[in-house]
């Protein structure tokens, strides 16, 4: 059976966590001119933070470091940030800081854009991370599955269980017992159409 220590976070908890993250930033009196989301995971928290800061501009940088829950050798910028950021106060946002390498690469990329200040924020930080974001809500030692990753997570775990000889029904039951916050019919359809 798949040996992966993970926790599925509900959407309502994610909103509470992003609000707590925003409150920490406000308490520190940091006022960003714009927010940069690290794609893909950082987009949802960055969008909510943008709204909480009155709808300030939101840009993205896409960095690849994981493929099917497996870490690749080093992160790579797939889509850089376009446009001038000269003299801006930037809040760089991701959902989770694992090793810290993705955050470090995005931070260096922003410095090349001649920003005034960069502060970093994430909902979760792994205990083993070599980088501490300026703002985070939880320090953890498990894999986080966010609401925006449920389909992808179902497919990845489905493929792993299929390799172990599990069938569609066994895989669906496993995922639903682990608290996957999706309708059982959706899980079965995704697994049937894409994995099995």
Protein backbone atom coordinates (compact mmCIF):
# COMPACT_ATOMS: atom_id res chain seq x y z
CA UNK A 1 0.00 0.00 0.00
CA UNK A 2 1.16 3.55 -0.74
CA UNK A 3 3.32 4.82 2.13
CA UNK A 4 2.87 8.58 2.12
CA UNK A 5 2.19 10.72 5.17
CA UNK A 6 -0.36 13.24 3.96
CA UNK A 7 -3.23 15.38 5.14
CA UNK A 8 -6.07 16.63 2.99
CA UNK A 9 -6.90 20.23 3.88
CA UNK A 10 -10.50 21.40 3.43
CA UNK A 11 -11.31 24.59 1.55
CA UNK A 12 -12.81 26.27 4.63
CA UNK A 13 -9.55 25.66 6.57
CA UNK A 14 -7.53 27.02 3.65
CA UNK A 15 -9.51 30.28 3.74
CA UNK A 16 -8.95 30.56 7.51
CA UNK A 17 -5.22 29.96 7.05
CA UNK A 18 -4.91 32.56 4.27
CA UNK A 19 -6.73 35.08 6.47
CA UNK A 20 -4.27 34.33 9.31
CA UNK A 21 -1.38 34.77 6.85
CA UNK A 22 -2.78 38.14 5.75
CA UNK A 23 -3.14 39.24 9.39
CA UNK A 24 0.54 38.44 10.04
CA UNK A 25 1.58 40.55 7.04
CA UNK A 26 -0.64 43.47 8.13
CA UNK A 27 0.67 43.24 11.71
CA UNK A 28 4.21 43.50 10.33
CA UNK A 29 3.09 46.66 8.45
CA UNK A 30 4.31 45.39 5.11
CA UNK A 31 2.32 46.95 2.26
CA UNK A 32 2.97 45.22 -1.05
CA UNK A 33 2.54 47.05 -4.33
CA UNK A 34 1.91 43.74 -6.02
CA UNK A 35 1.78 40.03 -5.32
CA UNK A 36 3.68 37.39 -7.27
CA UNK A 37 2.29 33.86 -7.13
CA UNK A 38 4.51 30.85 -7.66
CA UNK A 39 2.57 28.64 -10.04
CA UNK A 40 0.77 26.43 -9.62
CA UNK A 41 0.27 26.01 -5.89
CA UNK A 42 0.72 29.63 -4.91
CA UNK A 43 -1.96 31.00 -7.21
CA UNK A 44 -5.02 30.43 -5.02
CA UNK A 45 -3.51 31.88 -1.81
CA UNK A 46 -2.02 34.78 -3.79
CA UNK A 47 -5.39 35.57 -5.37
CA UNK A 48 -7.12 35.66 -1.97
CA UNK A 49 -4.31 37.79 -0.50
CA UNK A 50 -4.65 40.16 -3.46
CA UNK A 51 -8.35 40.55 -2.64
CA UNK A 52 -7.60 41.10 1.06
CA UNK A 53 -5.12 43.83 0.11
CA UNK A 54 -7.81 45.64 -1.87
CA UNK A 55 -7.33 43.99 -5.25
CA UNK A 56 -3.68 44.83 -5.82
CA UNK A 57 -2.00 43.59 -8.98
CA UNK A 58 -1.17 39.88 -9.22
CA UNK A 59 1.61 38.42 -11.39
CA UNK A 60 2.88 34.86 -11.71
CA UNK A 61 6.11 32.95 -12.09
CA UNK A 62 5.92 29.26 -13.02
CA UNK A 63 8.53 26.97 -11.52
CA UNK A 64 8.71 23.20 -11.92
CA UNK A 65 10.23 21.03 -9.16
CA UNK A 66 7.81 18.10 -8.75
CA UNK A 67 6.41 15.58 -11.19
CA UNK A 68 3.82 13.09 -9.88
CA UNK A 69 4.73 13.88 -6.26
CA UNK A 70 8.39 13.04 -7.01
CA UNK A 71 10.99 15.78 -6.67
CA UNK A 72 13.17 16.47 -9.68
CA UNK A 73 16.86 17.41 -9.35
CA UNK A 74 16.40 21.16 -9.12
CA UNK A 75 13.69 23.73 -9.76
CA UNK A 76 13.43 25.40 -13.16
CA UNK A 77 11.66 28.59 -14.21
CA UNK A 78 9.21 27.63 -16.94
CA UNK A 79 7.46 31.00 -17.22
CA UNK A 80 9.30 34.10 -15.96
CA UNK A 81 7.67 37.27 -14.70
CA UNK A 82 7.10 39.79 -17.48
CA UNK A 83 6.98 43.56 -17.23
CA UNK A 84 8.74 46.09 -15.05
CA UNK A 85 8.82 45.61 -11.28
CA UNK A 86 11.43 48.30 -10.66
CA UNK A 87 11.06 49.91 -7.24
CA UNK A 88 8.08 47.76 -6.20
CA UNK A 89 7.39 46.17 -2.82
CA UNK A 90 6.56 42.57 -3.74
CA UNK A 91 4.91 39.81 -1.76
CA UNK A 92 6.04 36.44 -3.16
CA UNK A 93 3.48 33.71 -2.36
CA UNK A 94 3.47 29.91 -2.49
CA UNK A 95 1.20 27.37 -0.83
CA UNK A 96 3.96 25.36 0.90
CA UNK A 97 7.71 25.72 1.37
CA UNK A 98 9.27 22.27 1.28
CA UNK A 99 13.04 22.35 0.72
CA UNK A 100 12.89 26.08 0.04
CA UNK A 101 14.59 25.76 -3.36
CA UNK A 102 11.56 26.94 -5.35
CA UNK A 103 11.14 29.98 -3.11
CA UNK A 104 14.86 30.76 -3.36
CA UNK A 105 14.80 30.59 -7.18
CA UNK A 106 11.71 32.83 -7.42
CA UNK A 107 13.26 35.30 -4.94
CA UNK A 108 16.46 35.56 -7.01
CA UNK A 109 14.38 36.01 -10.16
CA UNK A 110 12.55 38.94 -8.53
CA UNK A 111 15.80 40.61 -7.43
CA UNK A 112 16.92 40.66 -11.07
CA UNK A 113 13.75 42.67 -11.81
CA UNK A 114 15.09 45.53 -9.61
CA UNK A 115 12.32 45.35 -7.03
CA UNK A 116 12.63 47.50 -3.91
CA UNK A 117 11.64 44.82 -1.37
CA UNK A 118 10.61 41.18 -1.54
CA UNK A 119 8.82 39.48 1.35
CA UNK A 120 7.85 35.82 1.15
CA UNK A 121 4.70 34.10 2.38
CA UNK A 122 3.27 30.57 2.45
CA UNK A 123 0.48 28.76 4.25
CA UNK A 124 2.71 25.86 5.30
CA UNK A 125 6.43 25.43 5.88
CA UNK A 126 8.05 22.01 6.24
CA UNK A 127 10.17 21.52 9.36
CA UNK A 128 13.17 20.56 7.22
CA UNK A 129 13.03 23.60 4.93
CA UNK A 130 16.35 25.37 4.51
CA UNK A 131 14.47 28.63 3.89
CA UNK A 132 12.02 30.29 6.25
CA UNK A 133 9.44 32.46 4.53
CA UNK A 134 8.91 35.85 6.13
CA UNK A 135 5.31 34.85 6.87
CA UNK A 136 3.74 31.41 7.30
CA UNK A 137 0.92 29.89 9.31
CA UNK A 138 1.83 26.25 10.01
CA UNK A 139 5.07 24.30 10.36
CA UNK A 140 4.51 20.68 9.33
CA UNK A 141 6.24 17.37 8.57
CA UNK A 142 3.64 15.81 6.24
CA UNK A 143 2.51 16.14 2.64
CA UNK A 144 -0.28 18.69 2.26
CA UNK A 145 -3.08 18.08 -0.23
CA UNK A 146 -4.88 21.35 -0.95
CA UNK A 147 -8.40 21.65 -2.38
CA UNK A 148 -6.97 22.70 -5.76
CA UNK A 149 -4.91 19.48 -5.96
CA UNK A 150 -7.59 16.84 -5.32
CA UNK A 151 -7.92 15.64 -8.92
CA UNK A 152 -4.16 15.56 -9.50
CA UNK A 153 -3.63 13.79 -6.16
CA UNK A 154 -6.29 11.18 -7.05
CA UNK A 155 -4.57 10.46 -10.34
CA UNK A 156 -1.07 10.18 -8.84
CA UNK A 157 -2.14 7.92 -5.97
CA UNK A 158 -4.36 5.97 -8.39
CA UNK A 159 -1.36 5.26 -10.64
CA UNK A 160 0.75 4.16 -7.66
CA UNK A 161 -1.97 1.83 -6.39
CA UNK A 162 -2.57 0.43 -9.87
CA UNK A 163 1.15 -0.47 -10.05
CA UNK A 164 0.68 -2.29 -6.73
CA UNK A 165 -2.11 -4.35 -8.30
CA UNK A 166 -5.11 -2.53 -6.81
CA UNK A 167 -8.26 -2.20 -8.89
CA UNK A 168 -10.56 0.79 -9.44
CA UNK A 169 -12.86 -0.01 -6.51
CA UNK A 170 -10.00 -0.59 -4.02
CA UNK A 171 -8.31 2.63 -5.11
CA UNK A 172 -11.52 4.67 -4.82
CA UNK A 173 -12.21 3.28 -1.34
CA UNK A 174 -8.64 4.03 -0.23
CA UNK A 175 -8.83 7.65 -1.39
CA UNK A 176 -12.28 8.29 0.08
CA UNK A 177 -11.31 6.74 3.44
CA UNK A 178 -8.31 9.08 3.59
CA UNK A 179 -10.68 12.05 3.57
CA UNK A 180 -10.53 13.06 -0.07
CA UNK A 181 -13.11 15.83 -0.13
CA UNK A 182 -14.62 14.90 -3.49
CA UNK A 183 -17.82 13.13 -4.42
CA UNK A 184 -17.19 9.39 -4.79
CA UNK A 185 -18.62 9.45 -8.31
CA UNK A 186 -16.10 12.14 -9.31
CA UNK A 187 -13.22 10.11 -7.89
CA UNK A 188 -14.33 6.95 -9.72
CA UNK A 189 -14.84 8.85 -12.99
CA UNK A 190 -11.38 10.47 -12.82
CA UNK A 191 -9.72 7.17 -11.97
CA UNK A 192 -11.68 5.22 -14.60
CA UNK A 193 -11.12 7.75 -17.41
CA UNK A 194 -7.48 8.60 -16.71
CA UNK A 195 -5.85 5.86 -14.63
CA UNK A 196 -7.62 2.51 -15.12
